[in-house]
Amino acid sequence: MRFLFRIAVLALAAFGAKTLYDKYASRAGDLQGPANDFVDRAKSAVGRTKGQFSSAAQQMTGAAKDATDEIKSAASDAASAAAAVVSDDDTVRNSTVGNQQTGSKAATA
């Protein structure tokens, strides 16, 4: 009994598929022209979008490179300035320590 029920459902599905095919197969040729037009419009839109994205990516890459160069230059300048401050500070400390040592020797003598 189950087997016959399954065969009947399968036959109805096949009949439905054949009915849909007969109904819409004749319109396939009529719909091919508008479908091709849509595909052509979509291709041109994709091409324009690709060009815009490519241009934007190049501009972004250039801007990022410029920003990186500016940051590198600023970091180098800051490092140089810091090194100059440290060397000046060491010079002042060494001269102060030398004066203190000379003063303490003079006081003890």
PDB file of N, CA and C in Angstrom:
ATOM      1  N   MET A   1       0.810  -1.185   0.000  1.00  0.00           N
ATOM      2  CA  MET A   1       0.000   0.000   0.000  1.00  0.00           C
ATOM      3  C   MET A   1       0.867   1.269   0.000  1.00  0.00           C
ATOM      4  N   ARG A   2       1.906   1.294   0.840  1.00  0.00           N
ATOM      5  CA  ARG A   2       2.813   2.449   0.856  1.00  0.00           C
ATOM      6  C   ARG A   2       3.465   2.647  -0.500  1.00  0.00           C
ATOM      7  N   PHE A   3       3.828   1.564  -1.113  1.00  0.00           N
ATOM      8  CA  PHE A   3       4.489   1.635  -2.409  1.00  0.00           C
ATOM      9  C   PHE A   3       3.577   2.311  -3.433  1.00  0.00           C
ATOM     10  N   LEU A   4       2.313   1.929  -3.458  1.00  0.00           N
ATOM     11  CA  LEU A   4       1.372   2.526  -4.406  1.00  0.00           C
ATOM     12  C   LEU A   4       1.173   4.013  -4.110  1.00  0.00           C
ATOM     13  N   PHE A   5       1.134   4.374  -2.831  1.00  0.00           N
ATOM     14  CA  PHE A   5       0.993   5.791  -2.458  1.00  0.00           C
ATOM     15  C   PHE A   5       2.201   6.590  -2.946  1.00  0.00           C
ATOM     16  N   ARG A   6       3.389   6.046  -2.768  1.00  0.00           N
ATOM     17  CA  ARG A   6       4.604   6.732  -3.212  1.00  0.00           C
ATOM     18  C   ARG A   6       4.646   6.867  -4.730  1.00  0.00           C
ATOM     19  N   ILE A   7       4.226   5.840  -5.425  1.00  0.00           N
ATOM     20  CA  ILE A   7       4.184   5.909  -6.887  1.00  0.00           C
ATOM     21  C   ILE A   7       3.178   6.970  -7.336  1.00  0.00           C
ATOM     22  N   ALA A   8       2.061   7.075  -6.667  1.00  0.00           N
ATOM     23  CA  ALA A   8       1.039   8.076  -7.031  1.00  0.00           C
ATOM     24  C   ALA A   8       1.580   9.488  -6.805  1.00  0.00           C
ATOM     25  N   VAL A   9       2.273   9.736  -5.684  1.00  0.00           N
ATOM     26  CA  VAL A   9       2.853  11.050  -5.411  1.00  0.00           C
ATOM     27  C   VAL A   9       3.910  11.379  -6.463  1.00  0.00           C
ATOM     28  N   LEU A  10       4.722  10.406  -6.831  1.00  0.00           N
ATOM     29  CA  LEU A  10       5.743  10.611  -7.851  1.00  0.00           C
ATOM     30  C   LEU A  10       5.111  10.932  -9.206  1.00  0.00           C
ATOM     31  N   ALA A  11       4.034  10.246  -9.541  1.00  0.00           N
ATOM     32  CA  ALA A  11       3.339  10.490 -10.816  1.00  0.00           C
ATOM     33  C   ALA A  11       2.725  11.890 -10.826  1.00  0.00           C
ATOM     34  N   LEU A  12       2.151  12.328  -9.712  1.00  0.00           N
ATOM     35  CA  LEU A  12       1.590  13.680  -9.653  1.00  0.00           C
ATOM     36  C   LEU A  12       2.685  14.749  -9.772  1.00  0.00           C
ATOM     37  N   ALA A  13       3.828  14.507  -9.179  1.00  0.00           N
ATOM     38  CA  ALA A  13       4.951  15.440  -9.286  1.00  0.00           C
ATOM     39  C   ALA A  13       5.436  15.521 -10.728  1.00  0.00           C
ATOM     40  N   ALA A  14       5.520  14.398 -11.403  1.00  0.00           N
ATOM     41  CA  ALA A  14       5.940  14.391 -12.804  1.00  0.00           C
ATOM     42  C   ALA A  14       4.913  15.123 -13.669  1.00  0.00           C
ATOM     43  N   PHE A  15       3.626  14.884 -13.407  1.00  0.00           N
ATOM     44  CA  PHE A  15       2.575  15.556 -14.165  1.00  0.00           C
ATOM     45  C   PHE A  15       2.652  17.079 -13.952  1.00  0.00           C
ATOM     46  N   GLY A  16       2.902  17.541 -12.726  1.00  0.00           N
ATOM     47  CA  GLY A  16       3.024  18.967 -12.426  1.00  0.00           C
ATOM     48  C   GLY A  16       4.229  19.589 -13.135  1.00  0.00           C
ATOM     49  N   ALA A  17       5.348  18.870 -13.160  1.00  0.00           N
ATOM     50  CA  ALA A  17       6.539  19.376 -13.837  1.00  0.00           C
ATOM     51  C   ALA A  17       6.298  19.492 -15.336  1.00  0.00           C
ATOM     52  N   LYS A  18       5.631  18.491 -15.935  1.00  0.00           N
ATOM     53  CA  LYS A  18       5.328  18.520 -17.371  1.00  0.00           C
ATOM     54  C   LYS A  18       4.370  19.667 -17.686  1.00  0.00           C
ATOM     55  N   THR A  19       3.381  19.905 -16.843  1.00  0.00           N
ATOM     56  CA  THR A  19       2.426  20.992 -17.056  1.00  0.00           C
ATOM     57  C   THR A  19       3.132  22.350 -17.015  1.00  0.00           C
ATOM     58  N   LEU A  20       4.018  22.551 -16.047  1.00  0.00           N
ATOM     59  CA  LEU A  20       4.766  23.806 -15.969  1.00  0.00           C
ATOM     60  C   LEU A  20       5.673  23.989 -17.183  1.00  0.00           C
ATOM     61  N   TYR A  21       6.285  22.916 -17.626  1.00  0.00           N
ATOM     62  CA  TYR A  21       7.148  22.994 -18.807  1.00  0.00           C
ATOM     63  C   TYR A  21       6.344  23.405 -20.034  1.00  0.00           C
ATOM     64  N   ASP A  22       5.217  22.771 -20.237  1.00  0.00           N
ATOM     65  CA  ASP A  22       4.377  23.105 -21.391  1.00  0.00           C
ATOM     66  C   ASP A  22       3.881  24.551 -21.330  1.00  0.00           C
ATOM     67  N   LYS A  23       3.595  25.022 -20.137  1.00  0.00           N
ATOM     68  CA  LYS A  23       3.061  26.373 -19.981  1.00  0.00           C
ATOM     69  C   LYS A  23       4.111  27.447 -20.253  1.00  0.00           C
ATOM     70  N   TYR A  24       5.356  27.244 -19.779  1.00  0.00           N
ATOM     71  CA  TYR A  24       6.373  28.289 -19.850  1.00  0.00           C
ATOM     72  C   TYR A  24       7.448  28.066 -20.905  1.00  0.00           C
ATOM     73  N   ALA A  25       7.518  26.928 -21.531  1.00  0.00           N
ATOM     74  CA  ALA A  25       8.556  26.664 -22.540  1.00  0.00           C
ATOM     75  C   ALA A  25       8.395  27.572 -23.748  1.00  0.00           C
ATOM     76  N   SER A  26       7.171  27.869 -24.114  1.00  0.00           N
ATOM     77  CA  SER A  26       6.945  28.720 -25.274  1.00  0.00           C
ATOM     78  C   SER A  26       7.380  30.163 -25.018  1.00  0.00           C
ATOM     79  N   ARG A  27       7.361  30.598 -23.776  1.00  0.00           N
ATOM     80  CA  ARG A  27       7.750  31.971 -23.430  1.00  0.00           C
ATOM     81  C   ARG A  27       9.256  32.128 -23.258  1.00  0.00           C
ATOM     82  N   ALA A  28       9.996  31.046 -23.259  1.00  0.00           N
ATOM     83  CA  ALA A  28      11.441  31.129 -23.022  1.00  0.00           C
ATOM     84  C   ALA A  28      12.120  31.975 -24.094  1.00  0.00           C
ATOM     85  N   GLY A  29      11.721  31.813 -25.331  1.00  0.00           N
ATOM     86  CA  GLY A  29      12.307  32.606 -26.411  1.00  0.00           C
ATOM     87  C   GLY A  29      11.978  34.077 -26.272  1.00  0.00           C
ATOM     88  N   ASP A  30      10.768  34.381 -25.840  1.00  0.00           N
ATOM     89  CA  ASP A  30      10.354  35.773 -25.668  1.00  0.00           C
ATOM     90  C   ASP A  30      11.112  36.451 -24.524  1.00  0.00           C
ATOM     91  N   LEU A  31      11.436  35.695 -23.507  1.00  0.00           N
ATOM     92  CA  LEU A  31      12.115  36.262 -22.342  1.00  0.00           C
ATOM     93  C   LEU A  31      13.627  36.326 -22.507  1.00  0.00           C
ATOM     94  N   GLN A  32      14.150  35.690 -23.552  1.00  0.00           N
ATOM     95  CA  GLN A  32      15.595  35.659 -23.737  1.00  0.00           C
ATOM     96  C   GLN A  32      16.151  37.049 -24.063  1.00  0.00           C
ATOM     97  N   GLY A  33      15.435  37.827 -24.863  1.00  0.00           N
ATOM     98  CA  GLY A  33      15.898  39.176 -25.206  1.00  0.00           C
ATOM     99  C   GLY A  33      16.017  40.077 -23.991  1.00  0.00           C
ATOM    100  N   PRO A  34      14.970  40.225 -23.180  1.00  0.00           N
ATOM    101  CA  PRO A  34      15.090  41.055 -21.974  1.00  0.00           C
ATOM    102  C   PRO A  34      16.154  40.539 -20.997  1.00  0.00           C
ATOM    103  N   ALA A  35      16.294  39.231 -20.931  1.00  0.00           N
ATOM    104  CA  ALA A  35      17.321  38.675 -20.036  1.00  0.00           C
ATOM    105  C   ALA A  35      18.709  39.056 -20.525  1.00  0.00           C
ATOM    106  N   ASN A  36      18.936  39.011 -21.832  1.00  0.00           N
ATOM    107  CA  ASN A  36      20.234  39.410 -22.371  1.00  0.00           C
ATOM    108  C   ASN A  36      20.495  40.900 -22.141  1.00  0.00           C
ATOM    109  N   ASP A  37      19.451  41.722 -22.273  1.00  0.00           N
ATOM    110  CA  ASP A  37      19.604  43.150 -21.998  1.00  0.00           C
ATOM    111  C   ASP A  37      20.005  43.388 -20.542  1.00  0.00           C
ATOM    112  N   PHE A  38      19.360  42.655 -19.650  1.00  0.00           N
ATOM    113  CA  PHE A  38      19.682  42.782 -18.232  1.00  0.00           C
ATOM    114  C   PHE A  38      21.132  42.376 -17.973  1.00  0.00           C
ATOM    115  N   VAL A  39      21.562  41.297 -18.585  1.00  0.00           N
ATOM    116  CA  VAL A  39      22.941  40.827 -18.398  1.00  0.00           C
ATOM    117  C   VAL A  39      23.925  41.875 -18.920  1.00  0.00           C
ATOM    118  N   ASP A  40      23.624  42.470 -20.066  1.00  0.00           N
ATOM    119  CA  ASP A  40      24.513  43.498 -20.615  1.00  0.00           C
ATOM    120  C   ASP A  40      24.590  44.727 -19.707  1.00  0.00           C
ATOM    121  N   ARG A  41      23.463  45.157 -19.181  1.00  0.00           N
ATOM    122  CA  ARG A  41      23.453  46.303 -18.259  1.00  0.00           C
ATOM    123  C   ARG A  41      24.220  45.975 -16.980  1.00  0.00           C
ATOM    124  N   ALA A  42      24.023  44.771 -16.490  1.00  0.00           N
ATOM    125  CA  ALA A  42      24.722  44.370 -15.263  1.00  0.00           C
ATOM    126  C   ALA A  42      26.235  44.324 -15.494  1.00  0.00           C
ATOM    127  N   LYS A  43      26.663  43.827 -16.663  1.00  0.00           N
ATOM    128  CA  LYS A  43      28.096  43.774 -16.962  1.00  0.00           C
ATOM    129  C   LYS A  43      28.694  45.174 -17.024  1.00  0.00           C
ATOM    130  N   SER A  44      27.995  46.112 -17.655  1.00  0.00           N
ATOM    131  CA  SER A  44      28.536  47.466 -17.749  1.00  0.00           C
ATOM    132  C   SER A  44      28.577  48.123 -16.368  1.00  0.00           C
ATOM    133  N   ALA A  45      27.565  47.866 -15.544  1.00  0.00           N
ATOM    134  CA  ALA A  45      27.561  48.428 -14.182  1.00  0.00           C
ATOM    135  C   ALA A  45      28.711  47.853 -13.367  1.00  0.00           C
ATOM    136  N   VAL A  46      28.956  46.578 -13.517  1.00  0.00           N
ATOM    137  CA  VAL A  46      30.066  45.948 -12.790  1.00  0.00           C
ATOM    138  C   VAL A  46      31.395  46.525 -13.258  1.00  0.00           C
ATOM    139  N   GLY A  47      31.522  46.762 -14.562  1.00  0.00           N
ATOM    140  CA  GLY A  47      32.754  47.344 -15.086  1.00  0.00           C
ATOM    141  C   GLY A  47      32.999  48.740 -14.548  1.00  0.00           C
ATOM    142  N   ARG A  48      31.951  49.575 -14.503  1.00  0.00           N
ATOM    143  CA  ARG A  48      32.098  50.930 -13.958  1.00  0.00           C
ATOM    144  C   ARG A  48      32.455  50.887 -12.474  1.00  0.00           C
ATOM    145  N   THR A  49      31.777  50.021 -11.749  1.00  0.00           N
ATOM    146  CA  THR A  49      32.039  49.900 -10.312  1.00  0.00           C
ATOM    147  C   THR A  49      33.462  49.425 -10.057  1.00  0.00           C
ATOM    148  N   LYS A  50      33.921  48.496 -10.879  1.00  0.00           N
ATOM    149  CA  LYS A  50      35.288  47.999 -10.732  1.00  0.00           C
ATOM    150  C   LYS A  50      36.287  49.136 -10.934  1.00  0.00           C
ATOM    151  N   GLY A  51      36.045  49.960 -11.944  1.00  0.00           N
ATOM    152  CA  GLY A  51      36.933  51.092 -12.190  1.00  0.00           C
ATOM    153  C   GLY A  51      36.942  52.075 -11.035  1.00  0.00           C
ATOM    154  N   GLN A  52      35.770  52.356 -10.484  1.00  0.00           N
ATOM    155  CA  GLN A  52      35.681  53.285  -9.360  1.00  0.00           C
ATOM    156  C   GLN A  52      36.388  52.730  -8.129  1.00  0.00           C
ATOM    157  N   PHE A  53      36.192  51.443  -7.855  1.00  0.00           N
ATOM    158  CA  PHE A  53      36.848  50.841  -6.695  1.00  0.00           C
ATOM    159  C   PHE A  53      38.360  50.802  -6.886  1.00  0.00           C
ATOM    160  N   SER A  54      38.798  50.528  -8.094  1.00  0.00           N
ATOM    161  CA  SER A  54      40.232  50.482  -8.367  1.00  0.00           C
ATOM    162  C   SER A  54      40.855  51.856  -8.150  1.00  0.00           C
ATOM    163  N   SER A  55      40.198  52.888  -8.653  1.00  0.00           N
ATOM    164  CA  SER A  55      40.691  54.254  -8.470  1.00  0.00           C
ATOM    165  C   SER A  55      40.717  54.637  -6.992  1.00  0.00           C
ATOM    166  N   ALA A  56      39.660  54.305  -6.285  1.00  0.00           N
ATOM    167  CA  ALA A  56      39.598  54.623  -4.854  1.00  0.00           C
ATOM    168  C   ALA A  56      40.684  53.876  -4.083  1.00  0.00           C
ATOM    169  N   ALA A  57      40.936  52.636  -4.452  1.00  0.00           N
ATOM    170  CA  ALA A  57      41.974  51.854  -3.762  1.00  0.00           C
ATOM    171  C   ALA A  57      43.350  52.453  -4.014  1.00  0.00           C
ATOM    172  N   GLN A  58      43.603  52.921  -5.232  1.00  0.00           N
ATOM    173  CA  GLN A  58      44.890  53.550  -5.523  1.00  0.00           C
ATOM    174  C   GLN A  58      45.055  54.846  -4.737  1.00  0.00           C
ATOM    175  N   GLN A  59      43.989  55.639  -4.652  1.00  0.00           N
ATOM    176  CA  GLN A  59      44.056  56.876  -3.884  1.00  0.00           C
ATOM    177  C   GLN A  59      44.287  56.585  -2.401  1.00  0.00           C
ATOM    178  N   MET A  60      43.601  55.575  -1.891  1.00  0.00           N
ATOM    179  CA  MET A  60      43.752  55.223  -0.486  1.00  0.00           C
ATOM    180  C   MET A  60      45.173  54.726  -0.210  1.00  0.00           C
ATOM    181  N   THR A  61      45.727  53.951  -1.127  1.00  0.00           N
ATOM    182  CA  THR A  61      47.086  53.455  -0.950  1.00  0.00           C
ATOM    183  C   THR A  61      48.081  54.612  -0.938  1.00  0.00           C
ATOM    184  N   GLY A  62      47.891  55.567  -1.845  1.00  0.00           N
ATOM    185  CA  GLY A  62      48.771  56.738  -1.872  1.00  0.00           C
ATOM    186  C   GLY A  62      48.671  57.559  -0.604  1.00  0.00           C
ATOM    187  N   ALA A  63      47.451  57.763  -0.119  1.00  0.00           N
ATOM    188  CA  ALA A  63      47.260  58.523   1.111  1.00  0.00           C
ATOM    189  C   ALA A  63      47.888  57.804   2.303  1.00  0.00           C
ATOM    190  N   ALA A  64      47.744  56.492   2.344  1.00  0.00           N
ATOM    191  CA  ALA A  64      48.333  55.724   3.446  1.00  0.00           C
ATOM    192  C   ALA A  64      49.856  55.801   3.398  1.00  0.00           C
ATOM    193  N   LYS A  65      50.412  55.755   2.197  1.00  0.00           N
ATOM    194  CA  LYS A  65      51.869  55.844   2.064  1.00  0.00           C
ATOM    195  C   LYS A  65      52.354  57.220   2.511  1.00  0.00           C
ATOM    196  N   ASP A  66      51.642  58.271   2.111  1.00  0.00           N
ATOM    197  CA  ASP A  66      52.021  59.624   2.525  1.00  0.00           C
ATOM    198  C   ASP A  66      51.948  59.774   4.047  1.00  0.00           C
ATOM    199  N   ALA A  67      50.877  59.239   4.641  1.00  0.00           N
ATOM    200  CA  ALA A  67      50.725  59.323   6.095  1.00  0.00           C
ATOM    201  C   ALA A  67      51.837  58.544   6.797  1.00  0.00           C
ATOM    202  N   THR A  68      52.194  57.405   6.254  1.00  0.00           N
ATOM    203  CA  THR A  68      53.266  56.600   6.834  1.00  0.00           C
ATOM    204  C   THR A  68      54.586  57.349   6.775  1.00  0.00           C
ATOM    205  N   ASP A  69      54.852  58.004   5.631  1.00  0.00           N
ATOM    206  CA  ASP A  69      56.089  58.780   5.509  1.00  0.00           C
ATOM    207  C   ASP A  69      56.118  59.933   6.501  1.00  0.00           C
ATOM    208  N   GLU A  70      54.979  60.606   6.686  1.00  0.00           N
ATOM    209  CA  GLU A  70      54.911  61.710   7.642  1.00  0.00           C
ATOM    210  C   GLU A  70      55.148  61.219   9.069  1.00  0.00           C
ATOM    211  N   ILE A  71      54.549  60.093   9.410  1.00  0.00           N
ATOM    212  CA  ILE A  71      54.728  59.536  10.761  1.00  0.00           C
ATOM    213  C   ILE A  71      56.177  59.126  10.974  1.00  0.00           C
ATOM    214  N   LYS A  72      56.775  58.523   9.944  1.00  0.00           N
ATOM    215  CA  LYS A  72      58.178  58.108  10.048  1.00  0.00           C
ATOM    216  C   LYS A  72      59.078  59.323  10.241  1.00  0.00           C
ATOM    217  N   SER A  73      58.814  60.387   9.498  1.00  0.00           N
ATOM    218  CA  SER A  73      59.605  61.619   9.622  1.00  0.00           C
ATOM    219  C   SER A  73      59.428  62.230  11.006  1.00  0.00           C
ATOM    220  N   ALA A  74      58.186  62.286  11.497  1.00  0.00           N
ATOM    221  CA  ALA A  74      57.936  62.846  12.827  1.00  0.00           C
ATOM    222  C   ALA A  74      58.611  62.015  13.910  1.00  0.00           C
ATOM    223  N   ALA A  75      58.582  60.702  13.764  1.00  0.00           N
ATOM    224  CA  ALA A  75      59.229  59.839  14.761  1.00  0.00           C
ATOM    225  C   ALA A  75      60.740  60.036  14.739  1.00  0.00           C
ATOM    226  N   SER A  76      61.306  60.177  13.554  1.00  0.00           N
ATOM    227  CA  SER A  76      62.744  60.407  13.442  1.00  0.00           C
ATOM    228  C   SER A  76      63.137  61.744  14.065  1.00  0.00           C
ATOM    229  N   ASP A  77      62.332  62.780  13.795  1.00  0.00           N
ATOM    230  CA  ASP A  77      62.595  64.093  14.396  1.00  0.00           C
ATOM    231  C   ASP A  77      62.488  64.036  15.913  1.00  0.00           C
ATOM    232  N   ALA A  78      61.475  63.336  16.418  1.00  0.00           N
ATOM    233  CA  ALA A  78      61.297  63.217  17.869  1.00  0.00           C
ATOM    234  C   ALA A  78      62.458  62.453  18.492  1.00  0.00           C
ATOM    235  N   ALA A  79      62.929  61.413  17.816  1.00  0.00           N
ATOM    236  CA  ALA A  79      64.065  60.651  18.342  1.00  0.00           C
ATOM    237  C   ALA A  79      65.325  61.510  18.377  1.00  0.00           C
ATOM    238  N   SER A  80      65.528  62.300  17.329  1.00  0.00           N
ATOM    239  CA  SER A  80      66.701  63.185  17.295  1.00  0.00           C
ATOM    240  C   SER A  80      66.626  64.228  18.406  1.00  0.00           C
ATOM    241  N   ALA A  81      65.444  64.803  18.587  1.00  0.00           N
ATOM    242  CA  ALA A  81      65.261  65.800  19.635  1.00  0.00           C
ATOM    243  C   ALA A  81      65.476  65.186  21.017  1.00  0.00           C
ATOM    244  N   ALA A  82      64.965  63.984  21.214  1.00  0.00           N
ATOM    245  CA  ALA A  82      65.139  63.306  22.502  1.00  0.00           C
ATOM    246  C   ALA A  82      66.607  62.988  22.747  1.00  0.00           C
ATOM    247  N   ALA A  83      67.317  62.577  21.717  1.00  0.00           N
ATOM    248  CA  ALA A  83      68.743  62.277  21.864  1.00  0.00           C
ATOM    249  C   ALA A  83      69.518  63.539  22.205  1.00  0.00           C
ATOM    250  N   ALA A  84      69.137  64.663  21.598  1.00  0.00           N
ATOM    251  CA  ALA A  84      69.819  65.925  21.892  1.00  0.00           C
ATOM    252  C   ALA A  84      69.570  66.346  23.333  1.00  0.00           C
ATOM    253  N   VAL A  85      68.352  66.182  23.816  1.00  0.00           N
ATOM    254  CA  VAL A  85      68.028  66.544  25.195  1.00  0.00           C
ATOM    255  C   VAL A  85      68.805  65.667  26.169  1.00  0.00           C
ATOM    256  N   VAL A  86      68.872  64.373  25.874  1.00  0.00           N
ATOM    257  CA  VAL A  86      69.591  63.452  26.761  1.00  0.00           C
ATOM    258  C   VAL A  86      71.071  63.785  26.779  1.00  0.00           C
ATOM    259  N   SER A  87      71.653  64.086  25.616  1.00  0.00           N
ATOM    260  CA  SER A  87      73.093  64.402  25.603  1.00  0.00           C
ATOM    261  C   SER A  87      73.368  65.727  26.299  1.00  0.00           C
ATOM    262  N   ASP A  88      72.479  66.713  26.147  1.00  0.00           N
ATOM    263  CA  ASP A  88      72.647  67.982  26.865  1.00  0.00           C
ATOM    264  C   ASP A  88      72.512  67.767  28.366  1.00  0.00           C
ATOM    265  N   ASP A  89      71.559  66.923  28.757  1.00  0.00           N
ATOM    266  CA  ASP A  89      71.342  66.642  30.172  1.00  0.00           C
ATOM    267  C   ASP A  89      72.557  65.924  30.757  1.00  0.00           C
ATOM    268  N   ASP A  90      73.146  65.004  30.015  1.00  0.00           N
ATOM    269  CA  ASP A  90      74.342  64.303  30.495  1.00  0.00           C
ATOM    270  C   ASP A  90      75.518  65.262  30.630  1.00  0.00           C
ATOM    271  N   THR A  91      75.647  66.202  29.714  1.00  0.00           N
ATOM    272  CA  THR A  91      76.735  67.178  29.784  1.00  0.00           C
ATOM    273  C   THR A  91      76.584  68.040  31.033  1.00  0.00           C
ATOM    274  N   VAL A  92      75.362  68.473  31.307  1.00  0.00           N
ATOM    275  CA  VAL A  92      75.104  69.295  32.487  1.00  0.00           C
ATOM    276  C   VAL A  92      75.377  68.484  33.748  1.00  0.00           C
ATOM    277  N   ARG A  93      74.942  67.246  33.778  1.00  0.00           N
ATOM    278  CA  ARG A  93      75.168  66.408  34.969  1.00  0.00           C
ATOM    279  C   ARG A  93      76.660  66.171  35.196  1.00  0.00           C
ATOM    280  N   ASN A  94      77.384  65.877  34.139  1.00  0.00           N
ATOM    281  CA  ASN A  94      78.820  65.608  34.281  1.00  0.00           C
ATOM    282  C   ASN A  94      79.557  66.845  34.771  1.00  0.00           C
ATOM    283  N   SER A  95      79.204  68.009  34.276  1.00  0.00           N
ATOM    284  CA  SER A  95      79.888  69.219  34.727  1.00  0.00           C
ATOM    285  C   SER A  95      79.504  69.532  36.178  1.00  0.00           C
ATOM    286  N   THR A  96      78.267  69.268  36.554  1.00  0.00           N
ATOM    287  CA  THR A  96      77.825  69.511  37.922  1.00  0.00           C
ATOM    288  C   THR A  96      78.511  68.536  38.872  1.00  0.00           C
ATOM    289  N   VAL A  97      78.588  67.264  38.472  1.00  0.00           N
ATOM    290  CA  VAL A  97      79.241  66.261  39.309  1.00  0.00           C
ATOM    291  C   VAL A  97      80.718  66.588  39.436  1.00  0.00           C
ATOM    292  N   GLY A  98      81.355  67.033  38.348  1.00  0.00           N
ATOM    293  CA  GLY A  98      82.780  67.404  38.403  1.00  0.00           C
ATOM    294  C   GLY A  98      83.000  68.578  39.334  1.00  0.00           C
ATOM    295  N   ASN A  99      82.120  69.562  39.316  1.00  0.00           N
ATOM    296  CA  ASN A  99      82.245  70.734  40.203  1.00  0.00           C
ATOM    297  C   ASN A  99      82.031  70.320  41.641  1.00  0.00           C
ATOM    298  N   GLN A 100      81.105  69.418  41.889  1.00  0.00           N
ATOM    299  CA  GLN A 100      80.854  68.986  43.259  1.00  0.00           C
ATOM    300  C   GLN A 100      82.044  68.218  43.788  1.00  0.00           C
ATOM    301  N   GLN A 101      82.630  67.367  42.945  1.00  0.00           N
ATOM    302  CA  GLN A 101      83.780  66.597  43.408  1.00  0.00           C
ATOM    303  C   GLN A 101      84.977  67.517  43.670  1.00  0.00           C
ATOM    304  N   THR A 102      85.173  68.506  42.824  1.00  0.00           N
ATOM    305  CA  THR A 102      86.279  69.457  43.007  1.00  0.00           C
ATOM    306  C   THR A 102      86.062  70.266  44.272  1.00  0.00           C
ATOM    307  N   GLY A 103      84.804  70.670  44.512  1.00  0.00           N
ATOM    308  CA  GLY A 103      84.460  71.450  45.698  1.00  0.00           C
ATOM    309  C   GLY A 103      84.639  70.627  46.958  1.00  0.00           C
ATOM    310  N   SER A 104      84.296  69.356  46.944  1.00  0.00           N
ATOM    311  CA  SER A 104      84.432  68.548  48.127  1.00  0.00           C
ATOM    312  C   SER A 104      85.897  68.247  48.425  1.00  0.00           C
ATOM    313  N   LYS A 105      86.721  68.125  47.402  1.00  0.00           N
ATOM    314  CA  LYS A 105      88.152  67.906  47.621  1.00  0.00           C
ATOM    315  C   LYS A 105      88.794  69.161  48.201  1.00  0.00           C
ATOM    316  N   ALA A 106      88.359  70.300  47.705  1.00  0.00           N
ATOM    317  CA  ALA A 106      88.910  71.565  48.221  1.00  0.00           C
ATOM    318  C   ALA A 106      88.514  71.785  49.669  1.00  0.00           C
ATOM    319  N   ALA A 107      87.276  71.362  50.009  1.00  0.00           N
ATOM    320  CA  ALA A 107      86.799  71.541  51.380  1.00  0.00           C
ATOM    321  C   ALA A 107      87.538  70.624  52.330  1.00  0.00           C
ATOM    322  N   THR A 108      87.913  69.448  51.918  1.00  0.00           N
ATOM    323  CA  THR A 108      88.604  68.513  52.790  1.00  0.00           C
ATOM    324  C   THR A 108      90.086  68.838  52.896  1.00  0.00           C
ATOM    325  N   ALA A 109      90.656  69.531  51.940  1.00  0.00           N
ATOM    326  CA  ALA A 109      92.095  69.809  51.957  1.00  0.00           C
ATOM    327  C   ALA A 109      92.437  70.960  52.803  1.00  0.00           C
TER     328      ALA A 109
END
